[in-house]
Amino acid sequence: MTRPTICMLGCGKITRLHSTVARTLRRRFRLAYASRSLERAMAYNRQYRGAGAFGSYEDACSSPEVDAVFVCTPHACHVDHVTLAAEAGKPTLVEKPVTRTLDEWQQIRDVTTRHRTPCMVAENYFFKPLLRTIRFHLERGDIGHPLFVEINKTGISRNTGWRTDPDLMGGGALLEGGVHWVNLLLEIAGPPREVLAARPDVDYPRAAPFEDNLEVLVRFASGAVGKLLHSWRTHNRIFGLSTSKIYGTEGNITFESNGIWALVLGRRTRIRIPGLLDIMGYRSMLKAFADVVTGAAPVSMSLEVARRDLALIDGAYRSLESGRWEVLSAAGSPS
């Protein structure tokens, strides 16, 4: 298989984004589209010059013309839609967050294992050039041993539809959007040991169910301490940009949170521009999945990595209820 057909389940905003990126990868794979509305799927197929359209997810997954599936539906539907793909023997890429709960994650893990179908999670931050740049300098020892990892991402989000439904969301902003930043934090700092979360005790209109402003502290197996400030209700007037920082025993790395630039001050001094052409990692992510489908490479952003991220979020939410540090296992799951 040299040029597989990957069918997108769901024709919404995120499908538009991935389809736009995929235009630069036409030699690697083709896209098809599936929706509960055949008319909508056909419209996407025309707009993005796809390889076909389906009026149901069942038809797409069972079609011999489809080699793999990209689940782009709300995460409340992921168990059902990954199950459809797995039972049809199709490799699957599933949008983040992978599920609402750890129990749902286990259902996906069970069905993909039972049918021996590869399942990769569409966590694009795992593929960001920024992460590769930071790892390079940490592994080279440019700032010594990391002591504190501080990640900040704030802004204003106005949500509609299923993102305002507590049952469909299954959590708040940290689960739906903050999972990106949890992944970045853990990929930088390594396995977490325990987590503590706090939110402002202030009355204001919320942008999401449960929480839309959260400060998360993490103690890592390495001995380092992490802090994640994630907000959908904090004004950021500097064009939506935030800065984050890693403090080490021999220096520090300051970086624009999205990955535009990084400044290394330590044993070596460098200003780095990690990679603006694929700053969000979407292109590398799609290439990685195409390699999984053709058998050229194994899954990198795996279900196990996604469980680690989801478990830390689960721990943070439990900490909000208990008011205490919540202990995690070495793999990031509840102890």
Protein backbone atom coordinates (compact mmCIF):
# COMPACT_ATOMS: atom_id res chain seq x y z
CA MET A 1 0.00 0.00 0.00
CA THR A 2 1.74 3.16 -1.19
CA ARG A 3 -1.04 5.79 -1.03
CA PRO A 4 -3.79 4.82 1.41
CA THR A 5 -7.24 6.35 1.63
CA ILE A 6 -8.01 7.74 5.09
CA CYS A 7 -11.64 8.53 5.78
CA MET A 8 -12.50 11.41 8.12
CA LEU A 9 -15.44 10.56 10.40
CA GLY A 10 -17.24 13.83 11.12
CA CYS A 11 -17.35 16.94 8.99
CA GLY A 12 -16.83 19.85 11.37
CA LYS A 13 -14.29 22.57 12.08
CA ILE A 14 -11.41 20.27 13.01
CA THR A 15 -11.90 18.27 9.81
CA ARG A 16 -11.50 21.48 7.83
CA LEU A 17 -8.22 22.18 9.61
CA HIS A 18 -6.80 18.71 8.97
CA SER A 19 -8.01 18.75 5.36
CA THR A 20 -6.21 22.03 4.72
CA VAL A 21 -2.96 20.62 6.12
CA ALA A 22 -3.43 17.39 4.17
CA ARG A 23 -3.35 19.30 0.88
CA THR A 24 0.45 19.41 1.25
CA LEU A 25 0.58 15.62 1.66
CA ARG A 26 -1.38 14.44 -1.36
CA ARG A 27 1.44 12.17 -2.47
CA ARG A 28 1.32 10.34 0.88
CA PHE A 29 -2.42 9.63 1.21
CA ARG A 30 -5.93 10.48 0.02
CA LEU A 31 -8.80 11.72 2.19
CA ALA A 32 -12.42 10.63 2.06
CA TYR A 33 -15.27 12.02 4.17
CA ALA A 34 -18.12 10.55 6.20
CA SER A 35 -20.97 12.31 7.96
CA ARG A 36 -24.46 11.51 9.18
CA SER A 37 -25.45 13.75 6.25
CA LEU A 38 -24.33 12.46 2.84
CA GLU A 39 -24.86 15.95 1.43
CA ARG A 40 -22.41 17.40 3.97
CA ALA A 41 -19.83 14.68 3.30
CA MET A 42 -20.12 15.29 -0.44
CA ALA A 43 -19.63 19.03 0.08
CA TYR A 44 -16.40 18.41 1.99
CA ASN A 45 -15.29 15.89 -0.61
CA ARG A 46 -15.79 18.45 -3.38
CA GLN A 47 -14.12 21.28 -1.49
CA TYR A 48 -11.02 19.29 -0.60
CA ARG A 49 -10.91 17.11 -3.73
CA GLY A 50 -11.39 13.95 -1.75
CA ALA A 51 -11.50 10.32 -2.76
CA GLY A 52 -15.12 9.69 -1.78
CA ALA A 53 -18.06 10.53 0.50
CA PHE A 54 -20.22 8.42 2.81
CA GLY A 55 -23.58 9.14 4.43
CA SER A 56 -22.88 7.09 7.54
CA TYR A 57 -19.88 6.14 9.64
CA GLU A 58 -20.83 2.46 9.32
CA ASP A 59 -20.65 2.64 5.52
CA ALA A 60 -17.26 4.36 5.65
CA CYS A 61 -15.73 1.84 8.03
CA SER A 62 -17.01 -1.17 6.10
CA SER A 63 -15.98 0.14 2.68
CA PRO A 64 -13.13 -1.75 0.96
CA GLU A 65 -12.13 1.60 -0.56
CA VAL A 66 -11.18 2.93 2.89
CA ASP A 67 -7.83 1.84 4.31
CA ALA A 68 -7.90 3.75 7.60
CA VAL A 69 -10.13 6.05 9.65
CA PHE A 70 -9.59 9.43 11.30
CA VAL A 71 -12.19 9.95 14.07
CA CYS A 72 -12.98 13.68 14.25
CA THR A 73 -16.24 13.51 16.18
CA PRO A 74 -16.76 14.87 19.74
CA HIS A 75 -14.90 12.80 22.32
CA ALA A 76 -18.18 11.59 23.85
CA CYS A 77 -18.57 9.54 20.64
CA HIS A 78 -15.04 8.18 20.41
CA VAL A 79 -15.67 4.78 21.98
CA ASP A 80 -18.47 4.03 19.51
CA HIS A 81 -16.61 5.28 16.46
CA VAL A 82 -13.25 3.68 17.26
CA THR A 83 -15.17 0.43 17.85
CA LEU A 84 -16.70 0.69 14.37
CA ALA A 85 -13.25 1.13 12.84
CA ALA A 86 -11.61 -1.61 14.91
CA GLU A 87 -14.32 -4.17 14.13
CA ALA A 88 -13.80 -3.38 10.43
CA GLY A 89 -10.04 -3.94 10.85
CA LYS A 90 -9.13 -0.33 10.04
CA PRO A 91 -6.15 1.49 11.61
CA THR A 92 -7.49 4.51 13.47
CA LEU A 93 -6.36 8.03 14.29
CA VAL A 94 -8.60 9.50 16.99
CA GLU A 95 -8.85 13.15 17.96
CA LYS A 96 -7.90 14.39 21.40
CA PRO A 97 -8.98 14.13 24.10
CA VAL A 98 -9.18 10.44 23.38
CA THR A 99 -12.10 9.96 25.81
CA ARG A 100 -13.92 11.63 28.68
CA THR A 101 -12.82 9.10 31.30
CA LEU A 102 -10.23 6.42 32.02
CA ASP A 103 -12.98 3.78 31.85
CA GLU A 104 -13.82 4.87 28.29
CA TRP A 105 -10.11 4.80 27.45
CA GLN A 106 -10.02 1.19 28.62
CA GLN A 107 -12.90 0.32 26.30
CA ILE A 108 -10.98 1.70 23.33
CA ARG A 109 -7.82 -0.10 24.44
CA ASP A 110 -9.73 -3.38 24.77
CA VAL A 111 -11.45 -3.25 21.38
CA THR A 112 -8.35 -2.21 19.42
CA THR A 113 -6.30 -4.91 21.17
CA ARG A 114 -8.95 -7.54 20.53
CA HIS A 115 -9.08 -6.74 16.81
CA ARG A 116 -5.34 -6.04 16.56
CA THR A 117 -5.89 -2.68 14.89
CA PRO A 118 -3.35 0.13 15.36
CA CYS A 119 -4.77 3.17 17.16
CA MET A 120 -2.94 6.50 17.26
CA VAL A 121 -4.11 9.62 19.07
CA ALA A 122 -4.20 12.93 17.18
CA GLU A 123 -2.21 14.84 19.79
CA ASN A 124 -0.37 17.27 17.52
CA TYR A 125 1.65 18.82 20.39
CA PHE A 126 3.53 15.51 20.60
CA PHE A 127 4.86 16.31 17.10
CA LYS A 128 5.67 20.01 17.60
CA PRO A 129 9.12 21.25 16.47
CA LEU A 130 9.25 23.14 19.79
CA LEU A 131 9.29 19.87 21.72
CA ARG A 132 12.17 18.47 19.66
CA THR A 133 14.14 21.69 20.22
CA ILE A 134 13.58 21.68 23.99
CA ARG A 135 14.50 18.01 24.28
CA PHE A 136 17.71 18.59 22.32
CA HIS A 137 18.92 21.24 24.74
CA LEU A 138 17.81 19.34 27.85
CA GLU A 139 19.48 16.11 26.73
CA ARG A 140 22.66 18.02 25.90
CA GLY A 141 22.68 19.44 29.42
CA ASP A 142 22.63 23.07 28.34
CA ILE A 143 20.70 24.15 31.47
CA GLY A 144 21.79 21.36 33.81
CA HIS A 145 19.13 19.43 35.71
CA PRO A 146 15.60 20.86 35.25
CA LEU A 147 14.13 22.15 38.52
CA PHE A 148 10.89 23.88 37.47
CA VAL A 149 8.84 23.62 34.27
CA GLU A 150 6.32 26.44 33.95
CA ILE A 151 3.79 26.44 31.10
CA ASN A 152 1.28 29.24 30.60
CA LYS A 153 -1.60 29.33 28.14
CA THR A 154 -4.35 31.87 28.68
CA GLY A 155 -7.00 33.52 26.53
CA ILE A 156 -10.72 33.94 25.95
CA SER A 157 -12.78 31.11 24.49
CA ARG A 158 -16.43 31.43 23.49
CA ASN A 159 -17.96 27.99 23.17
CA THR A 160 -21.24 26.78 21.72
CA GLY A 161 -22.88 23.43 21.00
CA TRP A 162 -21.62 20.27 22.67
CA ARG A 163 -18.77 22.13 24.43
CA THR A 164 -21.39 23.68 26.71
CA ASP A 165 -22.95 20.32 27.60
CA PRO A 166 -21.52 18.82 30.84
CA ASP A 167 -22.30 15.24 29.84
CA LEU A 168 -20.79 15.49 26.37
CA MET A 169 -17.75 17.37 27.64
CA GLY A 170 -17.11 15.09 30.61
CA GLY A 171 -14.94 17.80 32.17
CA GLY A 172 -13.86 21.35 31.58
CA ALA A 173 -11.28 23.34 29.68
CA LEU A 174 -8.35 21.30 30.98
CA LEU A 175 -9.78 18.12 29.43
CA GLU A 176 -10.97 19.56 26.12
CA GLY A 177 -8.14 21.97 25.30
CA GLY A 178 -5.69 21.77 28.17
CA VAL A 179 -4.85 18.15 27.31
CA HIS A 180 -2.50 19.62 24.66
CA TRP A 181 -0.53 21.46 27.32
CA VAL A 182 -0.57 18.50 29.69
CA ASN A 183 1.03 16.46 26.92
CA LEU A 184 3.68 19.13 26.35
CA LEU A 185 4.41 19.40 30.08
CA LEU A 186 4.81 15.65 30.54
CA GLU A 187 6.85 15.18 27.37
CA ILE A 188 9.27 17.81 28.70
CA ALA A 189 9.41 16.77 32.36
CA GLY A 190 8.75 13.02 32.29
CA PRO A 191 6.61 10.75 34.48
CA PRO A 192 4.45 12.55 37.11
CA ARG A 193 4.24 11.41 40.74
CA GLU A 194 1.43 13.58 42.13
CA VAL A 195 -0.78 16.49 41.17
CA LEU A 196 -2.54 19.39 42.91
CA ALA A 197 -5.08 21.67 41.23
CA ALA A 198 -6.80 24.93 42.21
CA ARG A 199 -9.27 27.27 40.53
CA PRO A 200 -10.29 30.85 41.38
CA ASP A 201 -13.15 31.15 43.87
CA VAL A 202 -14.74 34.03 41.97
CA ASP A 203 -18.26 34.36 40.55
CA TYR A 204 -18.22 35.02 36.77
CA PRO A 205 -19.85 33.58 33.61
CA ARG A 206 -18.01 30.38 32.78
CA ALA A 207 -16.80 29.45 29.30
CA ALA A 208 -17.07 25.69 29.95
CA PRO A 209 -18.73 23.23 32.31
CA PHE A 210 -16.91 22.38 35.54
CA GLU A 211 -13.87 24.63 35.08
CA ASP A 212 -12.42 27.14 32.61
CA ASN A 213 -9.52 28.49 34.74
CA LEU A 214 -7.11 26.12 36.40
CA GLU A 215 -3.66 26.12 37.98
CA VAL A 216 -2.07 22.67 38.12
CA LEU A 217 1.06 21.74 40.08
CA VAL A 218 2.89 18.50 39.36
CA ARG A 219 5.72 16.69 41.14
CA PHE A 220 7.76 14.54 38.78
CA ALA A 221 9.72 11.33 39.26
CA SER A 222 12.85 13.27 38.27
CA GLY A 223 12.44 15.52 41.31
CA ALA A 224 11.41 18.53 39.21
CA VAL A 225 8.22 20.52 39.83
CA GLY A 226 5.84 21.61 37.08
CA LYS A 227 3.18 24.29 36.85
CA LEU A 228 0.50 24.60 34.21
CA LEU A 229 -1.73 27.68 34.05
CA HIS A 230 -4.56 26.99 31.62
CA SER A 231 -7.44 29.39 31.07
CA TRP A 232 -10.31 30.02 28.69
CA ARG A 233 -11.41 33.13 30.65
CA THR A 234 -8.25 35.20 31.12
CA HIS A 235 -7.63 38.13 28.80
CA ASN A 236 -4.39 38.03 26.86
CA ARG A 237 -3.85 41.20 24.84
CA ILE A 238 -0.48 40.25 23.33
CA PHE A 239 -2.03 38.69 20.21
CA GLY A 240 -2.86 35.50 22.12
CA LEU A 241 0.80 34.79 22.86
CA SER A 242 2.14 33.54 26.18
CA THR A 243 5.61 32.71 27.45
CA SER A 244 6.73 29.64 29.35
CA LYS A 245 10.00 28.71 31.04
CA ILE A 246 12.17 25.83 32.18
CA TYR A 247 14.49 26.60 35.10
CA GLY A 248 17.57 24.39 35.48
CA THR A 249 20.56 24.15 37.79
CA GLU A 250 22.80 25.73 35.11
CA GLY A 251 20.44 28.07 33.25
CA ASN A 252 16.97 28.30 31.74
CA ILE A 253 14.96 28.04 28.54
CA THR A 254 12.30 30.68 27.89
CA PHE A 255 9.93 30.00 25.02
CA GLU A 256 6.80 31.35 23.39
CA SER A 257 4.22 28.80 24.47
CA ASN A 258 3.01 27.94 20.96
CA GLY A 259 6.59 27.43 19.76
CA ILE A 260 7.46 30.54 17.72
CA TRP A 261 10.82 31.01 19.47
CA ALA A 262 12.94 29.68 22.32
CA LEU A 263 15.80 31.39 24.16
CA VAL A 264 18.41 29.13 25.80
CA LEU A 265 20.55 30.78 28.49
CA GLY A 266 22.93 28.42 30.26
CA ARG A 267 26.11 26.56 29.36
CA ARG A 268 25.34 27.67 25.82
CA THR A 269 23.33 30.67 24.68
CA ARG A 270 21.07 30.17 21.69
CA ILE A 271 17.99 31.77 20.18
CA ARG A 272 16.01 29.10 18.35
CA ILE A 273 13.17 29.30 15.81
CA PRO A 274 11.95 25.67 16.05
CA GLY A 275 9.98 25.41 12.81
CA LEU A 276 7.33 27.86 11.65
CA LEU A 277 6.18 25.83 8.62
CA ASP A 278 4.73 23.13 10.89
CA ILE A 279 4.59 25.08 14.15
CA MET A 280 1.53 23.19 15.44
CA GLY A 281 2.79 19.74 14.44
CA TYR A 282 -0.22 18.81 12.31
CA ARG A 283 1.76 17.93 9.20
CA SER A 284 4.21 15.69 11.07
CA MET A 285 1.28 14.02 12.85
CA LEU A 286 -0.53 13.17 9.60
CA LYS A 287 2.69 11.88 8.03
CA ALA A 288 3.28 9.68 11.09
CA PHE A 289 -0.20 8.17 10.82
CA ALA A 290 0.20 7.54 7.09
CA ASP A 291 3.38 5.60 7.94
CA VAL A 292 1.41 3.56 10.49
CA VAL A 293 -1.23 2.71 7.89
CA THR A 294 1.33 1.61 5.28
CA GLY A 295 3.35 -0.33 7.86
CA ALA A 296 6.38 1.91 7.47
CA ALA A 297 6.47 2.86 11.18
CA PRO A 298 4.87 1.88 14.50
CA VAL A 299 2.46 4.09 16.43
CA SER A 300 4.29 6.88 18.27
CA MET A 301 1.56 8.97 19.95
CA SER A 302 -0.04 5.87 21.41
CA LEU A 303 -3.08 5.12 23.53
CA GLU A 304 -0.71 4.54 26.45
CA VAL A 305 0.72 8.07 26.14
CA ALA A 306 -2.82 9.45 25.93
CA ARG A 307 -3.76 7.52 29.08
CA ARG A 308 -0.86 9.10 30.95
CA ASP A 309 -2.15 12.56 29.95
CA LEU A 310 -5.77 11.72 30.73
CA ALA A 311 -4.81 10.24 34.11
CA LEU A 312 -3.09 13.47 35.14
CA ILE A 313 -6.22 15.43 34.22
CA ASP A 314 -8.31 12.94 36.18
CA GLY A 315 -5.97 13.42 39.13
CA ALA A 316 -6.24 17.20 38.85
CA TYR A 317 -10.03 17.00 38.93
CA ARG A 318 -9.92 14.69 41.93
CA SER A 319 -7.60 17.18 43.62
CA LEU A 320 -10.18 19.95 43.10
CA GLU A 321 -12.64 17.85 45.08
CA SER A 322 -10.25 16.67 47.79
CA GLY A 323 -8.18 19.83 48.17
CA ARG A 324 -5.07 17.61 48.42
CA TRP A 325 -2.20 16.33 46.33
CA GLU A 326 -3.37 13.25 44.43
CA VAL A 327 -0.75 10.52 44.06
CA LEU A 328 -0.14 8.97 40.61
CA SER A 329 1.77 5.86 39.65
CA ALA A 330 5.02 6.07 37.72
CA ALA A 331 3.02 5.77 34.49
CA GLY A 332 0.80 8.71 35.42
CA SER A 333 -2.25 6.65 36.36
CA PRO A 334 -4.05 6.77 39.69
CA SER A 335 -2.26 4.74 42.35
